[in-house]
N, C-alpha and C. Protein backbone atom coordinates (compact mmCIF):
# COMPACT_ATOMS: atom_id res chain seq x y z
N UNK A 1 -17.38 2.75 -15.65
CA UNK A 1 -18.44 2.04 -14.97
C UNK A 1 -17.90 1.47 -13.67
N UNK A 2 -18.67 1.60 -12.63
CA UNK A 2 -18.23 1.10 -11.33
C UNK A 2 -19.31 0.22 -10.75
N UNK A 3 -18.93 -0.99 -10.41
CA UNK A 3 -19.84 -1.85 -9.66
C UNK A 3 -19.14 -2.21 -8.38
N UNK A 4 -19.91 -2.37 -7.36
CA UNK A 4 -19.30 -2.65 -6.07
C UNK A 4 -20.18 -3.60 -5.29
N UNK A 5 -19.57 -4.68 -4.82
CA UNK A 5 -20.28 -5.58 -3.91
C UNK A 5 -19.53 -5.55 -2.60
N UNK A 6 -20.11 -4.97 -1.61
CA UNK A 6 -19.45 -4.88 -0.31
C UNK A 6 -19.91 -6.04 0.54
N UNK A 7 -19.03 -6.97 0.76
CA UNK A 7 -19.34 -8.13 1.58
C UNK A 7 -18.86 -7.94 3.00
N UNK A 8 -17.89 -7.06 3.18
CA UNK A 8 -17.33 -6.89 4.51
C UNK A 8 -16.74 -5.50 4.63
N UNK A 9 -16.95 -4.90 5.73
CA UNK A 9 -16.36 -3.59 6.01
C UNK A 9 -15.58 -3.73 7.30
N UNK A 10 -14.27 -3.70 7.20
CA UNK A 10 -13.46 -3.93 8.38
C UNK A 10 -12.77 -2.66 8.82
N UNK A 11 -12.09 -2.77 9.91
CA UNK A 11 -11.24 -1.69 10.40
C UNK A 11 -12.05 -0.41 10.54
N UNK A 12 -12.96 -0.36 11.48
CA UNK A 12 -13.96 0.68 11.57
C UNK A 12 -13.47 2.08 11.85
N UNK A 13 -12.33 2.47 11.35
CA UNK A 13 -11.87 3.84 11.51
C UNK A 13 -12.81 4.78 10.78
N UNK A 14 -13.00 5.94 11.33
CA UNK A 14 -13.84 6.93 10.69
C UNK A 14 -12.99 7.86 9.84
N UNK A 15 -13.36 7.99 8.58
CA UNK A 15 -12.64 8.89 7.69
C UNK A 15 -12.82 10.31 8.21
N UNK A 16 -11.78 11.08 8.09
CA UNK A 16 -11.86 12.47 8.48
C UNK A 16 -11.45 12.73 9.93
N UNK A 17 -11.03 11.70 10.65
CA UNK A 17 -10.59 11.95 12.02
C UNK A 17 -9.29 12.75 11.99
N UNK A 18 -8.92 13.28 13.09
CA UNK A 18 -7.72 14.10 13.18
C UNK A 18 -6.50 13.34 12.68
N UNK A 19 -5.77 13.91 11.75
CA UNK A 19 -4.59 13.26 11.18
C UNK A 19 -3.31 13.79 11.80
N UNK A 20 -3.40 14.38 12.97
CA UNK A 20 -2.21 14.89 13.64
C UNK A 20 -1.37 13.74 14.15
N UNK A 21 -0.26 14.10 14.75
CA UNK A 21 0.60 13.07 15.32
C UNK A 21 -0.14 12.30 16.39
N UNK A 22 0.13 11.03 16.45
CA UNK A 22 -0.39 10.15 17.48
C UNK A 22 0.25 10.55 18.80
N UNK A 23 -0.27 10.02 19.91
CA UNK A 23 0.32 10.30 21.22
C UNK A 23 1.78 9.85 21.27
N UNK A 24 2.11 8.81 20.51
CA UNK A 24 3.49 8.32 20.49
C UNK A 24 4.29 9.18 19.53
N UNK A 25 5.46 9.60 19.94
CA UNK A 25 6.32 10.44 19.08
C UNK A 25 6.70 9.67 17.81
N UNK A 26 6.60 10.36 16.67
CA UNK A 26 7.02 9.75 15.42
C UNK A 26 5.99 8.84 14.79
N UNK A 27 4.74 8.92 15.25
CA UNK A 27 3.69 8.08 14.68
C UNK A 27 2.63 8.99 14.08
N UNK A 28 2.28 8.75 12.84
CA UNK A 28 1.28 9.53 12.14
C UNK A 28 0.03 8.68 11.99
N UNK A 29 -1.13 9.27 12.26
CA UNK A 29 -2.38 8.52 12.11
C UNK A 29 -2.80 8.49 10.65
N UNK A 30 -2.08 7.72 9.86
CA UNK A 30 -2.41 7.55 8.45
C UNK A 30 -2.37 6.07 8.12
N UNK A 31 -3.24 5.69 7.23
CA UNK A 31 -3.25 4.31 6.73
C UNK A 31 -3.15 4.37 5.21
N UNK A 32 -2.28 3.55 4.65
CA UNK A 32 -2.06 3.56 3.20
C UNK A 32 -2.04 2.15 2.65
N UNK A 33 -2.41 2.05 1.38
CA UNK A 33 -2.25 0.82 0.61
C UNK A 33 -1.21 1.13 -0.45
N UNK A 34 -0.17 0.32 -0.50
CA UNK A 34 0.86 0.46 -1.53
C UNK A 34 0.58 -0.54 -2.64
N UNK A 35 0.64 -0.08 -3.86
CA UNK A 35 0.46 -0.94 -5.03
C UNK A 35 1.65 -1.89 -5.15
N UNK A 36 1.45 -2.97 -5.85
CA UNK A 36 2.50 -3.99 -6.03
C UNK A 36 3.80 -3.38 -6.55
N UNK A 37 3.71 -2.45 -7.49
CA UNK A 37 4.93 -1.87 -8.06
C UNK A 37 5.78 -1.16 -7.01
N UNK A 38 5.15 -0.68 -5.95
CA UNK A 38 5.90 0.00 -4.89
C UNK A 38 6.72 -0.99 -4.07
N UNK A 39 6.17 -2.18 -3.85
CA UNK A 39 6.92 -3.20 -3.12
C UNK A 39 8.09 -3.74 -3.95
N UNK A 40 7.87 -3.89 -5.24
CA UNK A 40 8.95 -4.34 -6.11
C UNK A 40 10.10 -3.33 -6.05
N UNK A 41 9.77 -2.06 -6.17
CA UNK A 41 10.81 -1.03 -6.12
C UNK A 41 11.51 -1.00 -4.77
N UNK A 42 10.76 -1.23 -3.70
CA UNK A 42 11.37 -1.26 -2.36
C UNK A 42 12.39 -2.38 -2.26
N UNK A 43 12.10 -3.51 -2.88
CA UNK A 43 13.02 -4.65 -2.83
C UNK A 43 14.27 -4.45 -3.67
N UNK A 44 14.12 -3.80 -4.81
CA UNK A 44 15.25 -3.73 -5.73
C UNK A 44 16.05 -2.43 -5.62
N UNK A 45 15.53 -1.43 -4.95
CA UNK A 45 16.24 -0.14 -4.82
C UNK A 45 16.41 0.22 -3.35
N UNK A 46 17.35 -0.40 -2.71
CA UNK A 46 17.63 -0.09 -1.31
C UNK A 46 17.97 1.38 -1.17
N UNK A 47 17.32 2.04 -0.25
CA UNK A 47 17.55 3.46 -0.04
C UNK A 47 16.66 4.36 -0.86
N UNK A 48 15.90 3.80 -1.80
CA UNK A 48 14.99 4.59 -2.61
C UNK A 48 13.76 5.02 -1.82
N UNK A 49 12.92 5.81 -2.45
CA UNK A 49 11.72 6.33 -1.79
C UNK A 49 10.84 5.20 -1.28
N UNK A 50 10.61 4.19 -2.12
CA UNK A 50 9.74 3.08 -1.71
C UNK A 50 10.34 2.30 -0.54
N UNK A 51 11.65 2.10 -0.56
CA UNK A 51 12.33 1.44 0.55
C UNK A 51 12.15 2.26 1.82
N UNK A 52 12.26 3.55 1.71
CA UNK A 52 12.06 4.43 2.88
C UNK A 52 10.64 4.31 3.40
N UNK A 53 9.66 4.21 2.50
CA UNK A 53 8.27 4.06 2.94
C UNK A 53 8.07 2.75 3.69
N UNK A 54 8.65 1.67 3.19
CA UNK A 54 8.53 0.38 3.87
C UNK A 54 9.20 0.46 5.24
N UNK A 55 10.35 1.10 5.31
CA UNK A 55 11.05 1.23 6.60
C UNK A 55 10.25 2.08 7.59
N UNK A 56 9.63 3.15 7.10
CA UNK A 56 8.80 3.98 7.98
C UNK A 56 7.60 3.19 8.49
N UNK A 57 7.01 2.37 7.62
CA UNK A 57 5.91 1.51 8.07
C UNK A 57 6.39 0.55 9.14
N UNK A 58 7.53 -0.10 8.90
CA UNK A 58 8.05 -1.08 9.86
C UNK A 58 8.39 -0.42 11.20
N UNK A 59 8.74 0.86 11.17
CA UNK A 59 9.04 1.56 12.43
C UNK A 59 7.78 2.06 13.13
N UNK A 60 6.62 1.85 12.50
CA UNK A 60 5.35 2.24 13.11
C UNK A 60 4.90 3.65 12.81
N UNK A 61 5.53 4.30 11.84
CA UNK A 61 5.18 5.67 11.51
C UNK A 61 3.77 5.79 10.93
N UNK A 62 3.35 4.82 10.15
CA UNK A 62 1.99 4.81 9.60
C UNK A 62 1.55 3.36 9.48
N UNK A 63 0.27 3.16 9.21
CA UNK A 63 -0.27 1.82 9.03
C UNK A 63 -0.30 1.46 7.55
N UNK A 64 0.10 0.26 7.26
CA UNK A 64 0.03 -0.28 5.91
C UNK A 64 -1.08 -1.30 5.87
N UNK A 65 -1.95 -1.21 4.88
CA UNK A 65 -3.04 -2.18 4.74
C UNK A 65 -2.78 -3.05 3.51
N UNK A 66 -3.20 -4.30 3.60
CA UNK A 66 -3.05 -5.25 2.50
C UNK A 66 -4.20 -6.24 2.57
N UNK A 67 -4.34 -7.02 1.52
CA UNK A 67 -5.37 -8.06 1.46
C UNK A 67 -4.73 -9.34 0.93
N UNK A 68 -5.35 -10.48 1.16
CA UNK A 68 -4.80 -11.73 0.61
C UNK A 68 -4.59 -11.68 -0.90
N UNK A 69 -5.55 -11.14 -1.70
CA UNK A 69 -5.28 -11.08 -3.14
C UNK A 69 -4.09 -10.17 -3.49
N UNK A 70 -3.94 -9.08 -2.77
CA UNK A 70 -2.82 -8.17 -3.03
C UNK A 70 -1.49 -8.83 -2.66
N UNK A 71 -1.44 -9.53 -1.53
CA UNK A 71 -0.21 -10.23 -1.15
C UNK A 71 0.13 -11.32 -2.16
N UNK A 72 -0.88 -12.01 -2.67
CA UNK A 72 -0.64 -13.05 -3.68
C UNK A 72 -0.03 -12.44 -4.93
N UNK A 73 -0.54 -11.27 -5.34
CA UNK A 73 0.02 -10.62 -6.52
C UNK A 73 1.45 -10.16 -6.26
N UNK A 74 1.70 -9.59 -5.10
CA UNK A 74 3.05 -9.14 -4.76
C UNK A 74 4.02 -10.32 -4.85
N UNK A 75 3.65 -11.43 -4.23
CA UNK A 75 4.53 -12.60 -4.23
C UNK A 75 4.74 -13.13 -5.65
N UNK A 76 3.66 -13.17 -6.42
CA UNK A 76 3.76 -13.65 -7.80
C UNK A 76 4.73 -12.78 -8.62
N UNK A 77 4.60 -11.48 -8.48
CA UNK A 77 5.44 -10.57 -9.25
C UNK A 77 6.91 -10.68 -8.83
N UNK A 78 7.18 -10.69 -7.52
CA UNK A 78 8.60 -10.71 -7.11
C UNK A 78 9.25 -12.07 -7.30
N UNK A 79 8.45 -13.08 -7.59
CA UNK A 79 9.02 -14.40 -7.90
C UNK A 79 9.27 -14.60 -9.40
N UNK A 80 8.96 -13.61 -10.20
CA UNK A 80 9.19 -13.73 -11.64
C UNK A 80 10.68 -13.94 -11.90
N UNK A 81 11.00 -14.93 -12.74
CA UNK A 81 12.41 -15.26 -12.98
C UNK A 81 13.29 -14.07 -13.35
N UNK A 82 12.75 -13.18 -14.14
CA UNK A 82 13.54 -12.01 -14.57
C UNK A 82 13.98 -11.18 -13.37
N UNK A 83 13.06 -10.95 -12.41
CA UNK A 83 13.41 -10.17 -11.22
C UNK A 83 14.35 -10.94 -10.30
N UNK A 84 14.06 -12.23 -10.12
CA UNK A 84 14.88 -13.07 -9.24
C UNK A 84 16.32 -13.08 -9.73
N UNK A 85 16.50 -13.30 -11.03
CA UNK A 85 17.85 -13.38 -11.60
C UNK A 85 18.55 -12.02 -11.59
N UNK A 86 17.86 -10.99 -12.02
CA UNK A 86 18.48 -9.69 -12.16
C UNK A 86 18.89 -9.07 -10.82
N UNK A 87 18.06 -9.30 -9.79
CA UNK A 87 18.31 -8.64 -8.51
C UNK A 87 18.74 -9.60 -7.40
N UNK A 88 18.96 -10.86 -7.75
CA UNK A 88 19.46 -11.82 -6.78
C UNK A 88 18.50 -12.12 -5.64
N UNK A 89 17.21 -12.07 -5.92
CA UNK A 89 16.22 -12.36 -4.88
C UNK A 89 16.23 -13.86 -4.60
N UNK A 90 16.13 -14.22 -3.34
CA UNK A 90 16.13 -15.63 -2.96
C UNK A 90 14.74 -16.05 -2.51
N UNK A 91 14.46 -17.34 -2.61
CA UNK A 91 13.17 -17.86 -2.13
C UNK A 91 12.96 -17.49 -0.67
N UNK A 92 14.02 -17.66 0.12
CA UNK A 92 13.93 -17.36 1.55
C UNK A 92 13.63 -15.88 1.79
N UNK A 93 14.32 -15.01 1.07
CA UNK A 93 14.12 -13.57 1.21
C UNK A 93 12.72 -13.14 0.80
N UNK A 94 12.24 -13.71 -0.30
CA UNK A 94 10.89 -13.39 -0.77
C UNK A 94 9.86 -13.86 0.24
N UNK A 95 10.00 -15.10 0.72
CA UNK A 95 9.06 -15.65 1.69
C UNK A 95 9.04 -14.81 2.96
N UNK A 96 10.22 -14.38 3.42
CA UNK A 96 10.30 -13.56 4.62
C UNK A 96 9.62 -12.21 4.41
N UNK A 97 9.84 -11.59 3.25
CA UNK A 97 9.23 -10.30 2.93
C UNK A 97 7.71 -10.41 2.97
N UNK A 98 7.16 -11.42 2.32
CA UNK A 98 5.71 -11.61 2.28
C UNK A 98 5.18 -11.94 3.68
N UNK A 99 5.92 -12.73 4.43
CA UNK A 99 5.51 -13.08 5.80
C UNK A 99 5.44 -11.83 6.69
N UNK A 100 6.40 -10.95 6.56
CA UNK A 100 6.39 -9.70 7.33
C UNK A 100 5.16 -8.87 6.96
N UNK A 101 4.88 -8.78 5.67
CA UNK A 101 3.69 -8.04 5.25
C UNK A 101 2.43 -8.66 5.86
N UNK A 102 2.30 -9.96 5.74
CA UNK A 102 1.10 -10.66 6.24
C UNK A 102 0.93 -10.48 7.75
N UNK A 103 2.02 -10.54 8.48
CA UNK A 103 1.94 -10.47 9.94
C UNK A 103 1.73 -9.06 10.47
N UNK A 104 2.30 -8.07 9.80
CA UNK A 104 2.33 -6.74 10.39
C UNK A 104 1.45 -5.70 9.70
N UNK A 105 0.97 -5.98 8.51
CA UNK A 105 0.05 -5.05 7.85
C UNK A 105 -1.34 -5.22 8.45
N UNK A 106 -2.15 -4.19 8.30
CA UNK A 106 -3.57 -4.30 8.64
C UNK A 106 -4.19 -5.11 7.51
N UNK A 107 -4.59 -6.33 7.81
CA UNK A 107 -5.11 -7.21 6.76
C UNK A 107 -6.62 -7.05 6.62
N UNK A 108 -7.05 -6.84 5.38
CA UNK A 108 -8.47 -6.81 5.07
C UNK A 108 -8.85 -8.18 4.51
N UNK A 109 -10.14 -8.48 4.47
CA UNK A 109 -10.54 -9.81 3.97
C UNK A 109 -10.32 -10.00 2.47
N UNK A 110 -10.31 -8.92 1.70
CA UNK A 110 -10.14 -9.05 0.26
C UNK A 110 -11.38 -9.57 -0.44
N UNK A 111 -12.54 -9.27 0.10
CA UNK A 111 -13.79 -9.77 -0.46
C UNK A 111 -14.54 -8.75 -1.31
N UNK A 112 -14.15 -7.50 -1.21
CA UNK A 112 -14.83 -6.45 -1.95
C UNK A 112 -14.40 -6.48 -3.41
N UNK A 113 -15.36 -6.39 -4.31
CA UNK A 113 -15.07 -6.32 -5.74
C UNK A 113 -15.43 -4.93 -6.24
N UNK A 114 -14.49 -4.27 -6.89
CA UNK A 114 -14.78 -3.01 -7.56
C UNK A 114 -14.30 -3.12 -9.00
N UNK A 115 -15.01 -2.47 -9.88
CA UNK A 115 -14.59 -2.42 -11.28
C UNK A 115 -14.50 -0.95 -11.65
N UNK A 116 -13.28 -0.46 -11.68
CA UNK A 116 -13.03 0.95 -11.98
C UNK A 116 -12.07 1.07 -13.15
N UNK A 117 -11.02 0.26 -13.14
CA UNK A 117 -9.98 0.30 -14.17
C UNK A 117 -10.19 -0.89 -15.10
N UNK A 118 -10.63 -0.61 -16.31
CA UNK A 118 -10.87 -1.69 -17.28
C UNK A 118 -9.58 -2.19 -17.91
N UNK A 119 -8.60 -1.28 -18.12
CA UNK A 119 -7.37 -1.64 -18.82
C UNK A 119 -6.45 -2.54 -18.02
N UNK A 120 -6.56 -2.53 -16.71
CA UNK A 120 -5.69 -3.34 -15.85
C UNK A 120 -6.50 -3.80 -14.63
N UNK A 121 -7.21 -4.92 -14.75
CA UNK A 121 -8.08 -5.38 -13.67
C UNK A 121 -7.38 -5.57 -12.33
N UNK A 122 -6.08 -5.86 -12.33
CA UNK A 122 -5.36 -6.01 -11.05
C UNK A 122 -5.37 -4.71 -10.24
N UNK A 123 -5.48 -3.58 -10.92
CA UNK A 123 -5.55 -2.30 -10.21
C UNK A 123 -6.79 -2.22 -9.33
N UNK A 124 -7.85 -2.90 -9.74
CA UNK A 124 -9.09 -2.86 -8.97
C UNK A 124 -8.93 -3.48 -7.58
N UNK A 125 -8.06 -4.49 -7.46
CA UNK A 125 -7.87 -5.10 -6.13
C UNK A 125 -7.17 -4.14 -5.18
N UNK A 126 -6.34 -3.26 -5.71
CA UNK A 126 -5.69 -2.24 -4.87
C UNK A 126 -6.75 -1.29 -4.33
N UNK A 127 -7.64 -0.85 -5.21
CA UNK A 127 -8.72 0.05 -4.79
C UNK A 127 -9.65 -0.63 -3.79
N UNK A 128 -9.98 -1.89 -4.05
CA UNK A 128 -10.86 -2.64 -3.14
C UNK A 128 -10.22 -2.76 -1.76
N UNK A 129 -8.95 -3.05 -1.72
CA UNK A 129 -8.23 -3.15 -0.45
C UNK A 129 -8.27 -1.81 0.28
N UNK A 130 -8.07 -0.73 -0.44
CA UNK A 130 -8.07 0.60 0.17
C UNK A 130 -9.44 0.92 0.77
N UNK A 131 -10.50 0.56 0.06
CA UNK A 131 -11.85 0.80 0.58
C UNK A 131 -12.10 -0.06 1.82
N UNK A 132 -11.76 -1.35 1.74
CA UNK A 132 -11.95 -2.23 2.89
C UNK A 132 -11.17 -1.75 4.11
N UNK A 133 -10.00 -1.21 3.88
CA UNK A 133 -9.14 -0.76 4.98
C UNK A 133 -9.47 0.64 5.46
N UNK A 134 -10.36 1.32 4.73
CA UNK A 134 -10.65 2.72 5.01
C UNK A 134 -9.34 3.52 5.02
N UNK A 135 -8.55 3.30 3.99
CA UNK A 135 -7.22 3.92 3.88
C UNK A 135 -7.33 5.42 3.64
N UNK A 136 -6.28 6.10 4.00
CA UNK A 136 -6.19 7.54 3.75
C UNK A 136 -5.53 7.83 2.41
N UNK A 137 -4.68 6.90 1.95
CA UNK A 137 -3.95 7.09 0.69
C UNK A 137 -3.78 5.77 -0.03
N UNK A 138 -3.74 5.85 -1.35
CA UNK A 138 -3.27 4.75 -2.20
C UNK A 138 -1.97 5.26 -2.81
N UNK A 139 -0.91 4.47 -2.68
CA UNK A 139 0.40 4.87 -3.18
C UNK A 139 0.75 3.98 -4.36
N UNK A 140 1.00 4.60 -5.52
CA UNK A 140 1.22 3.82 -6.73
C UNK A 140 2.08 4.59 -7.72
N UNK A 141 2.66 3.85 -8.63
CA UNK A 141 3.35 4.44 -9.77
C UNK A 141 2.63 4.07 -11.05
N UNK A 142 1.49 3.40 -10.91
CA UNK A 142 0.72 2.89 -12.04
C UNK A 142 -0.08 4.02 -12.70
N UNK A 143 0.07 4.16 -13.99
CA UNK A 143 -0.58 5.28 -14.69
C UNK A 143 -2.09 5.21 -14.64
N UNK A 144 -2.66 4.00 -14.64
CA UNK A 144 -4.12 3.88 -14.59
C UNK A 144 -4.66 4.39 -13.25
N UNK A 145 -4.00 4.02 -12.18
CA UNK A 145 -4.45 4.47 -10.86
C UNK A 145 -4.18 5.96 -10.66
N UNK A 146 -2.99 6.40 -11.05
CA UNK A 146 -2.65 7.82 -10.89
C UNK A 146 -3.60 8.71 -11.69
N UNK A 147 -4.06 8.23 -12.83
CA UNK A 147 -4.98 9.02 -13.66
C UNK A 147 -6.31 9.27 -12.95
N UNK A 148 -6.68 8.38 -12.04
CA UNK A 148 -7.92 8.58 -11.29
C UNK A 148 -7.81 9.76 -10.33
N UNK A 149 -6.62 10.01 -9.81
CA UNK A 149 -6.43 11.11 -8.86
C UNK A 149 -6.86 10.78 -7.45
N UNK A 150 -8.04 10.21 -7.33
CA UNK A 150 -8.54 9.77 -6.03
C UNK A 150 -9.65 8.75 -6.29
N UNK A 151 -9.99 8.03 -5.24
CA UNK A 151 -11.08 7.06 -5.32
C UNK A 151 -11.79 7.04 -3.98
N UNK A 152 -13.07 7.30 -4.00
CA UNK A 152 -13.89 7.34 -2.79
C UNK A 152 -13.24 8.19 -1.70
N UNK A 153 -12.72 9.34 -2.12
CA UNK A 153 -12.14 10.29 -1.17
C UNK A 153 -10.71 10.02 -0.78
N UNK A 154 -10.13 8.94 -1.29
CA UNK A 154 -8.73 8.61 -0.96
C UNK A 154 -7.83 9.09 -2.08
N UNK A 155 -6.89 9.99 -1.79
CA UNK A 155 -5.96 10.42 -2.83
C UNK A 155 -5.09 9.25 -3.31
N UNK A 156 -4.84 9.22 -4.60
CA UNK A 156 -3.93 8.24 -5.19
C UNK A 156 -2.69 9.02 -5.59
N UNK A 157 -1.58 8.73 -4.93
CA UNK A 157 -0.38 9.55 -5.08
C UNK A 157 0.85 8.69 -5.35
N UNK A 158 1.87 9.34 -5.88
CA UNK A 158 3.16 8.68 -6.06
C UNK A 158 3.86 8.55 -4.70
N UNK A 159 4.83 7.66 -4.64
CA UNK A 159 5.54 7.40 -3.39
C UNK A 159 6.18 8.66 -2.82
N UNK A 160 6.80 9.47 -3.66
CA UNK A 160 7.47 10.68 -3.18
C UNK A 160 6.47 11.65 -2.54
N UNK A 161 5.28 11.75 -3.11
CA UNK A 161 4.26 12.64 -2.55
C UNK A 161 3.79 12.13 -1.19
N UNK A 162 3.63 10.81 -1.06
CA UNK A 162 3.22 10.25 0.22
C UNK A 162 4.32 10.44 1.26
N UNK A 163 5.56 10.24 0.86
CA UNK A 163 6.68 10.44 1.77
C UNK A 163 6.71 11.89 2.26
N UNK A 164 6.48 12.84 1.37
CA UNK A 164 6.43 14.25 1.77
C UNK A 164 5.31 14.49 2.78
N UNK A 165 4.15 13.87 2.56
CA UNK A 165 3.03 14.00 3.50
C UNK A 165 3.41 13.46 4.88
N UNK A 166 4.05 12.30 4.90
CA UNK A 166 4.48 11.72 6.18
C UNK A 166 5.47 12.64 6.88
N UNK A 167 6.46 13.10 6.12
CA UNK A 167 7.49 13.96 6.70
C UNK A 167 6.89 15.27 7.21
N UNK A 168 5.93 15.81 6.46
CA UNK A 168 5.26 17.04 6.88
C UNK A 168 4.48 16.80 8.18
N UNK A 169 3.78 15.69 8.26
CA UNK A 169 3.01 15.37 9.47
C UNK A 169 3.93 15.13 10.66
N UNK A 170 5.10 14.57 10.39
CA UNK A 170 6.07 14.33 11.46
C UNK A 170 6.79 15.61 11.88
N UNK A 171 6.80 16.59 10.95
CA UNK A 171 7.47 17.84 11.25
C UNK A 171 8.98 17.77 11.18
N UNK A 172 9.48 16.76 10.41
CA UNK A 172 10.93 16.63 10.28
C UNK A 172 11.26 16.11 8.90
N UNK A 173 12.51 16.11 8.54
CA UNK A 173 12.96 15.63 7.24
C UNK A 173 13.37 14.19 7.24
N UNK A 174 12.76 13.34 8.04
CA UNK A 174 13.06 11.90 8.15
C UNK A 174 14.00 11.41 7.11
């Protein structure tokens, strides 16, 4: 069952526009929403696929979209004592990570409500953010989201698949 209340539609990009390289070398006209689990992996596995995706975003290769509810969940998860202790995360490092996301991601209002995944309601905020941002991809390792395959025309893919798409669009093995 899907219900949707659209209170705001931001970032008026038109779906289906040319996804070729931008005029700037090394920039792909793609916008993605990364699920919380992808940010956790980026923080704890330096050099891993998710870390590479965050680095490519920071270099301007693609646009990352987020919403206030998604950022709140990311911060809540990475502040969990088990993660902090096991991976040596510091308050300062966590705050800086979230601040970078807030300042440099394409921020949506986070007002859209969708009900698609009953087993894990937090997954719905990822989908809502993607719709508000008019994203091209949702990147996740979550089985509930991956089982959907796509949502409103946006493919839901694993990090490695998205990285391959970026590299293919760039025409190099980044």
